[in-house]
Amino acid sequence: DTTWEANSSVAAIPFIFEPSFYHGR
């Protein structure tokens, strides 16, 4: 899902510390 990483940023740990494990690019 190409929208997942943008939508999950609503409450995810900032990517500079913990990059998303979900990949949908």
mmCIF file of all heavy atoms, coordinates in Angstrom:
data_MODEL
# 
_entry.id   MODEL 
# 
loop_
_atom_site.group_PDB 
_atom_site.id 
_atom_site.type_symbol 
_atom_site.label_atom_id 
_atom_site.label_alt_id 
_atom_site.label_comp_id 
_atom_site.label_asym_id 
_atom_site.label_entity_id 
_atom_site.label_seq_id 
_atom_site.pdbx_PDB_ins_code 
_atom_site.Cartn_x 
_atom_site.Cartn_y 
_atom_site.Cartn_z 
_atom_site.occupancy 
_atom_site.B_iso_or_equiv 
_atom_site.pdbx_formal_charge 
_atom_site.auth_seq_id 
_atom_site.auth_comp_id 
_atom_site.auth_asym_id 
_atom_site.auth_atom_id 
_atom_site.pdbx_PDB_model_num 
ATOM 1   N N   . ASP A 1 1  ? 0.853  -1.176 0.000  1.00 0.00 ? 1  ASP A N   1 
ATOM 2   C CA  . ASP A 1 1  ? 0.000  0.000  0.000  1.00 0.00 ? 1  ASP A CA  1 
ATOM 3   C C   . ASP A 1 1  ? 0.899  1.238  0.000  1.00 0.00 ? 1  ASP A C   1 
ATOM 4   O O   . ASP A 1 1  ? 1.624  1.492  0.970  1.00 0.00 ? 1  ASP A O   1 
ATOM 5   C CB  . ASP A 1 1  ? -0.886 -0.012 1.247  1.00 0.00 ? 1  ASP A CB  1 
ATOM 6   C CG  . ASP A 1 1  ? -1.803 1.208  1.340  1.00 0.00 ? 1  ASP A CG  1 
ATOM 7   O OD1 . ASP A 1 1  ? -1.706 2.091  0.482  1.00 0.00 ? 1  ASP A OD1 1 
ATOM 8   O OD2 . ASP A 1 1  ? -2.608 1.251  2.287  1.00 0.00 ? 1  ASP A OD2 1 
ATOM 9   N N   . THR A 1 2  ? 0.861  2.027  -1.072 1.00 0.00 ? 2  THR A N   1 
ATOM 10  C CA  . THR A 1 2  ? 1.771  3.167  -1.203 1.00 0.00 ? 2  THR A CA  1 
ATOM 11  C C   . THR A 1 2  ? 1.423  4.325  -0.270 1.00 0.00 ? 2  THR A C   1 
ATOM 12  O O   . THR A 1 2  ? 2.196  5.279  -0.163 1.00 0.00 ? 2  THR A O   1 
ATOM 13  C CB  . THR A 1 2  ? 1.776  3.691  -2.647 1.00 0.00 ? 2  THR A CB  1 
ATOM 14  O OG1 . THR A 1 2  ? 0.452  4.095  -3.008 1.00 0.00 ? 2  THR A OG1 1 
ATOM 15  C CG2 . THR A 1 2  ? 2.270  2.622  -3.602 1.00 0.00 ? 2  THR A CG2 1 
ATOM 16  N N   . THR A 1 3  ? 0.276  4.279  0.411  1.00 0.00 ? 3  THR A N   1 
ATOM 17  C CA  . THR A 1 3  ? -0.099 5.365  1.320  1.00 0.00 ? 3  THR A CA  1 
ATOM 18  C C   . THR A 1 3  ? 0.216  5.042  2.778  1.00 0.00 ? 3  THR A C   1 
ATOM 19  O O   . THR A 1 3  ? 0.069  5.909  3.637  1.00 0.00 ? 3  THR A O   1 
ATOM 20  C CB  . THR A 1 3  ? -1.597 5.675  1.209  1.00 0.00 ? 3  THR A CB  1 
ATOM 21  O OG1 . THR A 1 3  ? -2.357 4.562  1.716  1.00 0.00 ? 3  THR A OG1 1 
ATOM 22  C CG2 . THR A 1 3  ? -1.999 5.915  -0.241 1.00 0.00 ? 3  THR A CG2 1 
ATOM 23  N N   . TRP A 1 4  ? 0.628  3.812  3.066  1.00 0.00 ? 4  TRP A N   1 
ATOM 24  C CA  . TRP A 1 4  ? 0.747  3.368  4.458  1.00 0.00 ? 4  TRP A CA  1 
ATOM 25  C C   . TRP A 1 4  ? 1.739  4.216  5.249  1.00 0.00 ? 4  TRP A C   1 
ATOM 26  O O   . TRP A 1 4  ? 1.424  4.720  6.334  1.00 0.00 ? 4  TRP A O   1 
ATOM 27  C CB  . TRP A 1 4  ? 1.162  1.893  4.492  1.00 0.00 ? 4  TRP A CB  1 
ATOM 28  C CG  . TRP A 1 4  ? 1.212  1.278  5.863  1.00 0.00 ? 4  TRP A CG  1 
ATOM 29  C CD1 . TRP A 1 4  ? 1.863  1.746  6.962  1.00 0.00 ? 4  TRP A CD1 1 
ATOM 30  C CD2 . TRP A 1 4  ? 0.554  0.083  6.288  1.00 0.00 ? 4  TRP A CD2 1 
ATOM 31  N NE1 . TRP A 1 4  ? 1.689  0.912  8.029  1.00 0.00 ? 4  TRP A NE1 1 
ATOM 32  C CE2 . TRP A 1 4  ? 0.881  -0.125 7.649  1.00 0.00 ? 4  TRP A CE2 1 
ATOM 33  C CE3 . TRP A 1 4  ? -0.251 -0.852 5.643  1.00 0.00 ? 4  TRP A CE3 1 
ATOM 34  C CZ2 . TRP A 1 4  ? 0.419  -1.213 8.374  1.00 0.00 ? 4  TRP A CZ2 1 
ATOM 35  C CZ3 . TRP A 1 4  ? -0.706 -1.942 6.369  1.00 0.00 ? 4  TRP A CZ3 1 
ATOM 36  C CH2 . TRP A 1 4  ? -0.377 -2.120 7.720  1.00 0.00 ? 4  TRP A CH2 1 
ATOM 37  N N   . GLU A 1 5  ? 2.958  4.366  4.750  1.00 0.00 ? 5  GLU A N   1 
ATOM 38  C CA  . GLU A 1 5  ? 3.994  5.037  5.530  1.00 0.00 ? 5  GLU A CA  1 
ATOM 39  C C   . GLU A 1 5  ? 3.642  6.485  5.827  1.00 0.00 ? 5  GLU A C   1 
ATOM 40  O O   . GLU A 1 5  ? 3.937  7.003  6.904  1.00 0.00 ? 5  GLU A O   1 
ATOM 41  C CB  . GLU A 1 5  ? 5.337  4.930  4.803  1.00 0.00 ? 5  GLU A CB  1 
ATOM 42  C CG  . GLU A 1 5  ? 5.881  3.516  4.808  1.00 0.00 ? 5  GLU A CG  1 
ATOM 43  C CD  . GLU A 1 5  ? 7.215  3.403  4.092  1.00 0.00 ? 5  GLU A CD  1 
ATOM 44  O OE1 . GLU A 1 5  ? 8.187  4.001  4.575  1.00 0.00 ? 5  GLU A OE1 1 
ATOM 45  O OE2 . GLU A 1 5  ? 7.273  2.737  3.053  1.00 0.00 ? 5  GLU A OE2 1 
ATOM 46  N N   . ALA A 1 6  ? 3.007  7.176  4.880  1.00 0.00 ? 6  ALA A N   1 
ATOM 47  C CA  . ALA A 1 6  ? 2.594  8.556  5.126  1.00 0.00 ? 6  ALA A CA  1 
ATOM 48  C C   . ALA A 1 6  ? 1.470  8.619  6.156  1.00 0.00 ? 6  ALA A C   1 
ATOM 49  O O   . ALA A 1 6  ? 1.494  9.448  7.068  1.00 0.00 ? 6  ALA A O   1 
ATOM 50  C CB  . ALA A 1 6  ? 2.145  9.205  3.826  1.00 0.00 ? 6  ALA A CB  1 
ATOM 51  N N   . ASN A 1 7  ? 0.499  7.728  6.047  1.00 0.00 ? 7  ASN A N   1 
ATOM 52  C CA  . ASN A 1 7  ? -0.634 7.741  6.970  1.00 0.00 ? 7  ASN A CA  1 
ATOM 53  C C   . ASN A 1 7  ? -0.237 7.318  8.383  1.00 0.00 ? 7  ASN A C   1 
ATOM 54  O O   . ASN A 1 7  ? -0.769 7.832  9.360  1.00 0.00 ? 7  ASN A O   1 
ATOM 55  C CB  . ASN A 1 7  ? -1.747 6.826  6.453  1.00 0.00 ? 7  ASN A CB  1 
ATOM 56  C CG  . ASN A 1 7  ? -2.420 7.373  5.209  1.00 0.00 ? 7  ASN A CG  1 
ATOM 57  O OD1 . ASN A 1 7  ? -2.482 8.585  5.014  1.00 0.00 ? 7  ASN A OD1 1 
ATOM 58  N ND2 . ASN A 1 7  ? -2.914 6.490  4.360  1.00 0.00 ? 7  ASN A ND2 1 
ATOM 59  N N   . SER A 1 8  ? 0.714  6.386  8.494  1.00 0.00 ? 8  SER A N   1 
ATOM 60  C CA  . SER A 1 8  ? 1.103  5.895  9.817  1.00 0.00 ? 8  SER A CA  1 
ATOM 61  C C   . SER A 1 8  ? 1.921  6.919  10.590 1.00 0.00 ? 8  SER A C   1 
ATOM 62  O O   . SER A 1 8  ? 2.073  6.800  11.807 1.00 0.00 ? 8  SER A O   1 
ATOM 63  C CB  . SER A 1 8  ? 1.898  4.592  9.683  1.00 0.00 ? 8  SER A CB  1 
ATOM 64  O OG  . SER A 1 8  ? 3.144  4.814  9.053  1.00 0.00 ? 8  SER A OG  1 
ATOM 65  N N   . SER A 1 9  ? 2.432  7.950  9.899  1.00 0.00 ? 9  SER A N   1 
ATOM 66  C CA  . SER A 1 9  ? 3.230  8.959  10.591 1.00 0.00 ? 9  SER A CA  1 
ATOM 67  C C   . SER A 1 9  ? 2.407  9.755  11.585 1.00 0.00 ? 9  SER A C   1 
ATOM 68  O O   . SER A 1 9  ? 2.960  10.530 12.380 1.00 0.00 ? 9  SER A O   1 
ATOM 69  C CB  . SER A 1 9  ? 3.884  9.899  9.585  1.00 0.00 ? 9  SER A CB  1 
ATOM 70  O OG  . SER A 1 9  ? 2.911  10.622 8.864  1.00 0.00 ? 9  SER A OG  1 
ATOM 71  N N   . VAL A 1 10 ? 1.083  9.568  11.575 1.00 0.00 ? 10 VAL A N   1 
ATOM 72  C CA  . VAL A 1 10 ? 0.228  10.236 12.538 1.00 0.00 ? 10 VAL A CA  1 
ATOM 73  C C   . VAL A 1 10 ? 0.640  9.890  13.968 1.00 0.00 ? 10 VAL A C   1 
ATOM 74  O O   . VAL A 1 10 ? 0.462  10.703 14.886 1.00 0.00 ? 10 VAL A O   1 
ATOM 75  C CB  . VAL A 1 10 ? -1.258 9.863  12.295 1.00 0.00 ? 10 VAL A CB  1 
ATOM 76  C CG1 . VAL A 1 10 ? -1.517 8.399  12.601 1.00 0.00 ? 10 VAL A CG1 1 
ATOM 77  C CG2 . VAL A 1 10 ? -2.180 10.734 13.132 1.00 0.00 ? 10 VAL A CG2 1 
ATOM 78  N N   . ALA A 1 11 ? 1.218  8.708  14.178 1.00 0.00 ? 11 ALA A N   1 
ATOM 79  C CA  . ALA A 1 11 ? 1.572  8.308  15.541 1.00 0.00 ? 11 ALA A CA  1 
ATOM 80  C C   . ALA A 1 11 ? 2.757  7.349  15.600 1.00 0.00 ? 11 ALA A C   1 
ATOM 81  O O   . ALA A 1 11 ? 2.969  6.696  16.616 1.00 0.00 ? 11 ALA A O   1 
ATOM 82  C CB  . ALA A 1 11 ? 0.365  7.654  16.229 1.00 0.00 ? 11 ALA A CB  1 
ATOM 83  N N   . ALA A 1 12 ? 3.521  7.225  14.524 1.00 0.00 ? 12 ALA A N   1 
ATOM 84  C CA  . ALA A 1 12 ? 4.677  6.328  14.529 1.00 0.00 ? 12 ALA A CA  1 
ATOM 85  C C   . ALA A 1 12 ? 5.878  7.015  15.170 1.00 0.00 ? 12 ALA A C   1 
ATOM 86  O O   . ALA A 1 12 ? 5.950  8.241  15.260 1.00 0.00 ? 12 ALA A O   1 
ATOM 87  C CB  . ALA A 1 12 ? 5.022  5.904  13.100 1.00 0.00 ? 12 ALA A CB  1 
ATOM 88  N N   . ILE A 1 13 ? 6.839  6.214  15.638 1.00 0.00 ? 13 ILE A N   1 
ATOM 89  C CA  . ILE A 1 13 ? 8.097  6.762  16.127 1.00 0.00 ? 13 ILE A CA  1 
ATOM 90  C C   . ILE A 1 13 ? 8.786  7.460  14.953 1.00 0.00 ? 13 ILE A C   1 
ATOM 91  O O   . ILE A 1 13 ? 8.805  6.930  13.840 1.00 0.00 ? 13 ILE A O   1 
ATOM 92  C CB  . ILE A 1 13 ? 8.984  5.648  16.696 1.00 0.00 ? 13 ILE A CB  1 
ATOM 93  C CG1 . ILE A 1 13 ? 8.280  4.974  17.886 1.00 0.00 ? 13 ILE A CG1 1 
ATOM 94  C CG2 . ILE A 1 13 ? 10.337 6.190  17.144 1.00 0.00 ? 13 ILE A CG2 1 
ATOM 95  C CD1 . ILE A 1 13 ? 9.022  3.787  18.455 1.00 0.00 ? 13 ILE A CD1 1 
ATOM 96  N N   . PRO A 1 14 ? 9.370  8.655  15.157 1.00 0.00 ? 14 PRO A N   1 
ATOM 97  C CA  . PRO A 1 14 ? 9.993  9.377  14.032 1.00 0.00 ? 14 PRO A CA  1 
ATOM 98  C C   . PRO A 1 14 ? 10.984 8.514  13.270 1.00 0.00 ? 14 PRO A C   1 
ATOM 99  O O   . PRO A 1 14 ? 11.765 7.764  13.852 1.00 0.00 ? 14 PRO A O   1 
ATOM 100 C CB  . PRO A 1 14 ? 10.684 10.557 14.725 1.00 0.00 ? 14 PRO A CB  1 
ATOM 101 C CG  . PRO A 1 14 ? 9.888  10.780 15.960 1.00 0.00 ? 14 PRO A CG  1 
ATOM 102 C CD  . PRO A 1 14 ? 9.433  9.417  16.409 1.00 0.00 ? 14 PRO A CD  1 
ATOM 103 N N   . PHE A 1 15 ? 10.949 8.637  11.948 1.00 0.00 ? 15 PHE A N   1 
ATOM 104 C CA  . PHE A 1 15 ? 11.730 7.745  11.088 1.00 0.00 ? 15 PHE A CA  1 
ATOM 105 C C   . PHE A 1 15 ? 13.224 7.890  11.297 1.00 0.00 ? 15 PHE A C   1 
ATOM 106 O O   . PHE A 1 15 ? 13.982 6.967  10.996 1.00 0.00 ? 15 PHE A O   1 
ATOM 107 C CB  . PHE A 1 15 ? 11.379 8.000  9.619  1.00 0.00 ? 15 PHE A CB  1 
ATOM 108 C CG  . PHE A 1 15 ? 11.962 9.269  9.051  1.00 0.00 ? 15 PHE A CG  1 
ATOM 109 C CD1 . PHE A 1 15 ? 13.173 9.261  8.377  1.00 0.00 ? 15 PHE A CD1 1 
ATOM 110 C CD2 . PHE A 1 15 ? 11.302 10.483 9.193  1.00 0.00 ? 15 PHE A CD2 1 
ATOM 111 C CE1 . PHE A 1 15 ? 13.717 10.423 7.867  1.00 0.00 ? 15 PHE A CE1 1 
ATOM 112 C CE2 . PHE A 1 15 ? 11.840 11.654 8.677  1.00 0.00 ? 15 PHE A CE2 1 
ATOM 113 C CZ  . PHE A 1 15 ? 13.050 11.624 8.018  1.00 0.00 ? 15 PHE A CZ  1 
ATOM 114 N N   . ILE A 1 16 ? 13.696 9.043  11.802 1.00 0.00 ? 16 ILE A N   1 
ATOM 115 C CA  . ILE A 1 16 ? 15.136 9.191  12.013 1.00 0.00 ? 16 ILE A CA  1 
ATOM 116 C C   . ILE A 1 16 ? 15.636 8.272  13.123 1.00 0.00 ? 16 ILE A C   1 
ATOM 117 O O   . ILE A 1 16 ? 16.831 7.995  13.218 1.00 0.00 ? 16 ILE A O   1 
ATOM 118 C CB  . ILE A 1 16 ? 15.522 10.654 12.329 1.00 0.00 ? 16 ILE A CB  1 
ATOM 119 C CG1 . ILE A 1 16 ? 14.830 11.143 13.599 1.00 0.00 ? 16 ILE A CG1 1 
ATOM 120 C CG2 . ILE A 1 16 ? 15.212 11.561 11.157 1.00 0.00 ? 16 ILE A CG2 1 
ATOM 121 C CD1 . ILE A 1 16 ? 15.299 12.505 14.066 1.00 0.00 ? 16 ILE A CD1 1 
ATOM 122 N N   . PHE A 1 17 ? 14.719 7.759  13.972 1.00 0.00 ? 17 PHE A N   1 
ATOM 123 C CA  . PHE A 1 17 ? 15.091 6.827  15.029 1.00 0.00 ? 17 PHE A CA  1 
ATOM 124 C C   . PHE A 1 17 ? 14.724 5.388  14.682 1.00 0.00 ? 17 PHE A C   1 
ATOM 125 O O   . PHE A 1 17 ? 15.529 4.472  14.861 1.00 0.00 ? 17 PHE A O   1 
ATOM 126 C CB  . PHE A 1 17 ? 14.402 7.212  16.351 1.00 0.00 ? 17 PHE A CB  1 
ATOM 127 C CG  . PHE A 1 17 ? 14.830 8.532  16.904 1.00 0.00 ? 17 PHE A CG  1 
ATOM 128 C CD1 . PHE A 1 17 ? 14.032 9.657  16.732 1.00 0.00 ? 17 PHE A CD1 1 
ATOM 129 C CD2 . PHE A 1 17 ? 16.024 8.669  17.588 1.00 0.00 ? 17 PHE A CD2 1 
ATOM 130 C CE1 . PHE A 1 17 ? 14.422 10.886 17.240 1.00 0.00 ? 17 PHE A CE1 1 
ATOM 131 C CE2 . PHE A 1 17 ? 16.421 9.890  18.106 1.00 0.00 ? 17 PHE A CE2 1 
ATOM 132 C CZ  . PHE A 1 17 ? 15.616 11.003 17.928 1.00 0.00 ? 17 PHE A CZ  1 
ATOM 133 N N   . GLU A 1 18 ? 13.502 5.181  14.237 1.00 0.00 ? 18 GLU A N   1 
ATOM 134 C CA  . GLU A 1 18 ? 12.998 3.834  13.957 1.00 0.00 ? 18 GLU A CA  1 
ATOM 135 C C   . GLU A 1 18 ? 12.318 3.837  12.595 1.00 0.00 ? 18 GLU A C   1 
ATOM 136 O O   . GLU A 1 18 ? 11.126 4.146  12.487 1.00 0.00 ? 18 GLU A O   1 
ATOM 137 C CB  . GLU A 1 18 ? 11.997 3.389  15.035 1.00 0.00 ? 18 GLU A CB  1 
ATOM 138 C CG  . GLU A 1 18 ? 12.552 3.348  16.445 1.00 0.00 ? 18 GLU A CG  1 
ATOM 139 C CD  . GLU A 1 18 ? 13.230 2.031  16.770 1.00 0.00 ? 18 GLU A CD  1 
ATOM 140 O OE1 . GLU A 1 18 ? 13.617 1.326  15.824 1.00 0.00 ? 18 GLU A OE1 1 
ATOM 141 O OE2 . GLU A 1 18 ? 13.362 1.697  17.957 1.00 0.00 ? 18 GLU A OE2 1 
ATOM 142 N N   . PRO A 1 19 ? 13.042 3.512  11.516 1.00 0.00 ? 19 PRO A N   1 
ATOM 143 C CA  . PRO A 1 19 ? 12.413 3.468  10.188 1.00 0.00 ? 19 PRO A CA  1 
ATOM 144 C C   . PRO A 1 19 ? 11.267 2.463  10.152 1.00 0.00 ? 19 PRO A C   1 
ATOM 145 O O   . PRO A 1 19 ? 11.284 1.454  10.868 1.00 0.00 ? 19 PRO A O   1 
ATOM 146 C CB  . PRO A 1 19 ? 13.567 3.034  9.276  1.00 0.00 ? 19 PRO A CB  1 
ATOM 147 C CG  . PRO A 1 19 ? 14.808 3.403  10.016 1.00 0.00 ? 19 PRO A CG  1 
ATOM 148 C CD  . PRO A 1 19 ? 14.476 3.227  11.468 1.00 0.00 ? 19 PRO A CD  1 
ATOM 149 N N   . SER A 1 20 ? 10.281 2.759  9.345  1.00 0.00 ? 20 SER A N   1 
ATOM 150 C CA  . SER A 1 20 ? 9.109  1.896  9.250  1.00 0.00 ? 20 SER A CA  1 
ATOM 151 C C   . SER A 1 20 ? 9.491  0.510  8.739  1.00 0.00 ? 20 SER A C   1 
ATOM 152 O O   . SER A 1 20 ? 10.287 0.367  7.816  1.00 0.00 ? 20 SER A O   1 
ATOM 153 C CB  . SER A 1 20 ? 8.081  2.514  8.312  1.00 0.00 ? 20 SER A CB  1 
ATOM 154 O OG  . SER A 1 20 ? 7.007  1.625  8.080  1.00 0.00 ? 20 SER A OG  1 
ATOM 155 N N   . PHE A 1 21 ? 8.907  -0.522 9.373  1.00 0.00 ? 21 PHE A N   1 
ATOM 156 C CA  . PHE A 1 21 ? 9.113  -1.883 8.886  1.00 0.00 ? 21 PHE A CA  1 
ATOM 157 C C   . PHE A 1 21 ? 8.189  -2.202 7.720  1.00 0.00 ? 21 PHE A C   1 
ATOM 158 O O   . PHE A 1 21 ? 8.404  -3.156 7.003  1.00 0.00 ? 21 PHE A O   1 
ATOM 159 C CB  . PHE A 1 21 ? 8.879  -2.902 10.009 1.00 0.00 ? 21 PHE A CB  1 
ATOM 160 C CG  . PHE A 1 21 ? 10.047 -3.057 10.932 1.00 0.00 ? 21 PHE A CG  1 
ATOM 161 C CD1 . PHE A 1 21 ? 10.161 -2.284 12.078 1.00 0.00 ? 21 PHE A CD1 1 
ATOM 162 C CD2 . PHE A 1 21 ? 11.050 -3.966 10.659 1.00 0.00 ? 21 PHE A CD2 1 
ATOM 163 C CE1 . PHE A 1 21 ? 11.239 -2.422 12.926 1.00 0.00 ? 21 PHE A CE1 1 
ATOM 164 C CE2 . PHE A 1 21 ? 12.134 -4.122 11.497 1.00 0.00 ? 21 PHE A CE2 1 
ATOM 165 C CZ  . PHE A 1 21 ? 12.230 -3.346 12.638 1.00 0.00 ? 21 PHE A CZ  1 
ATOM 166 N N   . TYR A 1 22 ? 7.140  -1.390 7.564  1.00 0.00 ? 22 TYR A N   1 
ATOM 167 C CA  . TYR A 1 22 ? 6.240  -1.626 6.449  1.00 0.00 ? 22 TYR A CA  1 
ATOM 168 C C   . TYR A 1 22 ? 6.824  -0.998 5.196  1.00 0.00 ? 22 TYR A C   1 
ATOM 169 O O   . TYR A 1 22 ? 7.289  0.141  5.209  1.00 0.00 ? 22 TYR A O   1 
ATOM 170 C CB  . TYR A 1 22 ? 4.853  -1.035 6.718  1.00 0.00 ? 22 TYR A CB  1 
ATOM 171 C CG  . TYR A 1 22 ? 3.895  -1.368 5.599  1.00 0.00 ? 22 TYR A CG  1 
ATOM 172 C CD1 . TYR A 1 22 ? 3.213  -2.581 5.622  1.00 0.00 ? 22 TYR A CD1 1 
ATOM 173 C CD2 . TYR A 1 22 ? 3.723  -0.529 4.516  1.00 0.00 ? 22 TYR A CD2 1 
ATOM 174 C CE1 . TYR A 1 22 ? 2.362  -2.924 4.576  1.00 0.00 ? 22 TYR A CE1 1 
ATOM 175 C CE2 . TYR A 1 22 ? 2.878  -0.861 3.474  1.00 0.00 ? 22 TYR A CE2 1 
ATOM 176 C CZ  . TYR A 1 22 ? 2.206  -2.065 3.518  1.00 0.00 ? 22 TYR A CZ  1 
ATOM 177 O OH  . TYR A 1 22 ? 1.380  -2.417 2.484  1.00 0.00 ? 22 TYR A OH  1 
ATOM 178 N N   . HIS A 1 23 ? 6.794  -1.721 4.091  1.00 0.00 ? 23 HIS A N   1 
ATOM 179 C CA  . HIS A 1 23 ? 7.321  -1.219 2.824  1.00 0.00 ? 23 HIS A CA  1 
ATOM 180 C C   . HIS A 1 23 ? 6.241  -1.332 1.753  1.00 0.00 ? 23 HIS A C   1 
ATOM 181 O O   . HIS A 1 23 ? 5.827  -2.429 1.400  1.00 0.00 ? 23 HIS A O   1 
ATOM 182 C CB  . HIS A 1 23 ? 8.569  -1.994 2.416  1.00 0.00 ? 23 HIS A CB  1 
ATOM 183 C CG  . HIS A 1 23 ? 9.693  -1.863 3.402  1.00 0.00 ? 23 HIS A CG  1 
ATOM 184 N ND1 . HIS A 1 23 ? 10.396 -0.697 3.583  1.00 0.00 ? 23 HIS A ND1 1 
ATOM 185 C CD2 . HIS A 1 23 ? 10.212 -2.741 4.282  1.00 0.00 ? 23 HIS A CD2 1 
ATOM 186 C CE1 . HIS A 1 23 ? 11.307 -0.861 4.521  1.00 0.00 ? 23 HIS A CE1 1 
ATOM 187 N NE2 . HIS A 1 23 ? 11.215 -2.092 4.968  1.00 0.00 ? 23 HIS A NE2 1 
ATOM 188 N N   . GLY A 1 24 ? 5.808  -0.177 1.259  1.00 0.00 ? 24 GLY A N   1 
ATOM 189 C CA  . GLY A 1 24 ? 4.806  -0.131 0.216  1.00 0.00 ? 24 GLY A CA  1 
ATOM 190 C C   . GLY A 1 24 ? 5.061  1.040  -0.705 1.00 0.00 ? 24 GLY A C   1 
ATOM 191 O O   . GLY A 1 24 ? 4.250  1.958  -0.780 1.00 0.00 ? 24 GLY A O   1 
ATOM 192 N N   . ARG A 1 25 ? 6.198  1.042  -1.367 1.00 0.00 ? 25 ARG A N   1 
ATOM 193 C CA  . ARG A 1 25 ? 6.591  2.198  -2.169 1.00 0.00 ? 25 ARG A CA  1 
ATOM 194 C C   . ARG A 1 25 ? 6.526  1.939  -3.668 1.00 0.00 ? 25 ARG A C   1 
ATOM 195 O O   . ARG A 1 25 ? 7.023  2.732  -4.460 1.00 0.00 ? 25 ARG A O   1 
ATOM 196 C CB  . ARG A 1 25 ? 8.010  2.623  -1.773 1.00 0.00 ? 25 ARG A CB  1 
ATOM 197 C CG  . ARG A 1 25 ? 8.094  3.043  -0.320 1.00 0.00 ? 25 ARG A CG  1 
ATOM 198 C CD  . ARG A 1 25 ? 9.453  3.574  0.057  1.00 0.00 ? 25 ARG A CD  1 
ATOM 199 N NE  . ARG A 1 25 ? 9.476  4.063  1.421  1.00 0.00 ? 25 ARG A NE  1 
ATOM 200 C CZ  . ARG A 1 25 ? 10.532 4.641  1.992  1.00 0.00 ? 25 ARG A CZ  1 
ATOM 201 N NH1 . ARG A 1 25 ? 11.640 4.792  1.302  1.00 0.00 ? 25 ARG A NH1 1 
ATOM 202 N NH2 . ARG A 1 25 ? 10.478 5.063  3.239  1.00 0.00 ? 25 ARG A NH2 1 
# 
